Protein backbone atom coordinates (compact mmCIF):
# COMPACT_ATOMS: atom_id res chain seq x y z
CA MET A 1 0.18 0.00 0.01
CA ALA A 2 1.36 3.42 -0.81
CA ASP A 3 2.30 5.76 2.00
CA VAL A 4 -0.26 8.09 2.79
CA ASP A 5 0.59 11.63 4.37
CA THR A 6 -1.80 11.85 7.29
CA THR A 7 -0.33 15.12 8.90
CA PRO A 8 -2.73 17.71 8.99
CA ALA A 9 -2.40 20.38 6.43
CA ARG A 10 -3.47 23.22 8.79
CA THR A 11 -2.51 23.50 12.41
CA SER A 12 -5.77 24.67 13.48
CA ASP A 13 -7.96 22.81 15.80
CA ASP A 14 -10.95 22.43 13.32
CA TRP A 15 -11.08 18.63 13.11
CA ALA A 16 -13.53 18.62 10.21
CA VAL A 17 -11.15 20.47 8.06
CA GLN A 18 -8.20 18.22 9.05
CA THR A 19 -10.51 15.24 8.23
CA ALA A 20 -11.66 16.50 4.88
CA ASP A 21 -7.84 17.31 4.04
CA THR A 22 -6.96 13.86 5.10
CA ILE A 23 -9.61 12.11 2.98
CA GLU A 24 -8.71 14.32 -0.05
CA ARG A 25 -5.06 13.44 0.15
CA LEU A 26 -6.04 9.57 0.54
CA VAL A 27 -8.39 9.97 -2.46
CA GLU A 28 -5.67 11.47 -4.60
CA SER A 29 -3.23 8.92 -3.47
CA VAL A 30 -5.59 6.22 -4.61
CA ARG A 31 -6.35 7.87 -7.89
CA SER A 32 -2.65 8.32 -8.70
CA ASN A 33 -1.87 4.83 -7.82
CA THR A 34 -4.80 3.30 -9.94
CA SER A 35 -6.49 5.35 -12.76
CA ASP A 36 -3.20 7.27 -13.75
CA ARG A 37 -1.44 4.05 -14.16
CA LEU A 38 -4.34 2.45 -16.12
CA VAL A 39 -4.24 5.50 -18.43
CA SER A 40 -0.55 4.78 -18.95
CA VAL A 41 -0.94 1.25 -19.82
CA ALA A 42 -3.89 1.81 -22.16
CA ARG A 43 -1.86 4.41 -24.09
CA LEU A 44 1.08 1.89 -24.18
CA VAL A 45 -1.28 -0.85 -25.54
CA VAL A 46 -2.86 1.50 -28.12
CA PHE A 47 0.42 3.02 -29.39
CA GLY A 48 2.01 -0.53 -29.44
CA LEU A 49 -0.91 -1.97 -31.60
CA PHE A 50 -0.51 1.10 -33.99
CA ALA A 51 3.38 0.55 -34.27
CA ALA A 52 2.72 -3.21 -34.80
CA ILE A 53 0.17 -2.51 -37.58
CA LEU A 54 2.46 0.00 -39.26
CA GLY A 55 5.46 -2.27 -38.88
CA THR A 56 3.52 -5.14 -40.50
CA VAL A 57 2.27 -2.86 -43.44
CA GLY A 58 5.90 -1.65 -43.95
CA LEU A 59 7.27 -5.17 -43.95
CA VAL A 60 4.69 -6.34 -46.62
CA LEU A 61 5.42 -3.33 -48.87
CA GLY A 62 9.26 -3.71 -48.34
CA ILE A 63 9.14 -7.31 -49.43
CA ASN A 64 6.77 -6.43 -52.38
CA ALA A 65 9.28 -3.90 -53.59
CA LEU A 66 12.12 -6.07 -53.14
CA VAL A 67 10.42 -8.83 -55.35
CA ARG A 68 9.66 -6.21 -57.88
CA PHE A 69 13.37 -5.05 -57.86
CA MET A 70 14.79 -8.46 -58.11
CA VAL A 71 12.25 -9.42 -60.88
CA SER A 72 13.45 -6.40 -62.96
CA TYR A 73 17.19 -7.23 -62.59
CA VAL A 74 17.05 -10.92 -62.60
CA GLY A 75 14.49 -11.23 -65.51
CA SER A 76 12.54 -14.25 -64.23
CA ALA A 77 10.04 -14.22 -61.48
CA TRP A 78 10.64 -17.92 -60.62
CA VAL A 79 14.31 -17.29 -60.04
CA THR A 80 13.54 -14.47 -57.66
CA TYR A 81 11.05 -16.61 -55.83
CA TYR A 82 13.67 -19.20 -55.44
CA ILE A 83 16.37 -17.03 -54.22
CA LEU A 84 14.28 -15.23 -51.74
CA GLY A 85 12.61 -18.42 -50.70
CA GLY A 86 15.92 -19.99 -49.93
CA LEU A 87 17.04 -16.73 -48.13
CA PHE A 88 13.69 -16.69 -46.02
CA THR A 89 14.18 -20.33 -45.18
CA LEU A 90 17.70 -20.02 -44.14
CA ALA A 91 16.80 -17.06 -41.87
CA GLY A 92 14.01 -19.13 -40.40
CA LEU A 93 16.09 -22.23 -39.76
CA LEU A 94 18.75 -20.00 -38.02
CA LEU A 95 16.08 -18.36 -35.70
CA TRP A 96 14.49 -21.66 -35.09
CA ARG A 97 17.92 -22.98 -34.05
CA HIS A 98 18.50 -20.13 -31.88
CA ALA A 99 15.28 -20.38 -30.11
CA TRP A 100 15.85 -23.83 -29.06
CA LYS A 101 19.48 -23.20 -27.66
CA HIS A 102 19.77 -23.79 -24.14
CA PRO A 103 21.47 -20.81 -22.10
CA ALA A 104 24.80 -22.06 -20.58
CA ARG A 105 24.43 -22.75 -16.89
CA ASP A 106 27.23 -21.52 -14.31
CA ASN A 107 27.73 -24.56 -12.10
């Protein structure tokens, strides 16, 4: 639980004002620990999804541009498909091998 400052804001003997100030500080503390953090998490999720969608679109357009570029210089679409298929397969196999590598243990 967050530390709540319960020291009176005023030094007067009016306990109603002191109680109201204490409740106000407590409510502010709870709000800052809950809803402000939820708003930050919601923003992170929204912007993260937006970045993922834009990244996926950029990746697809980049691969499309690469295929068109290679077809124009290689001359044959099939050769381009074989070259890129081989490169993507090798990259996938290397990533797959890296994913199953066990970390070295210090004994």
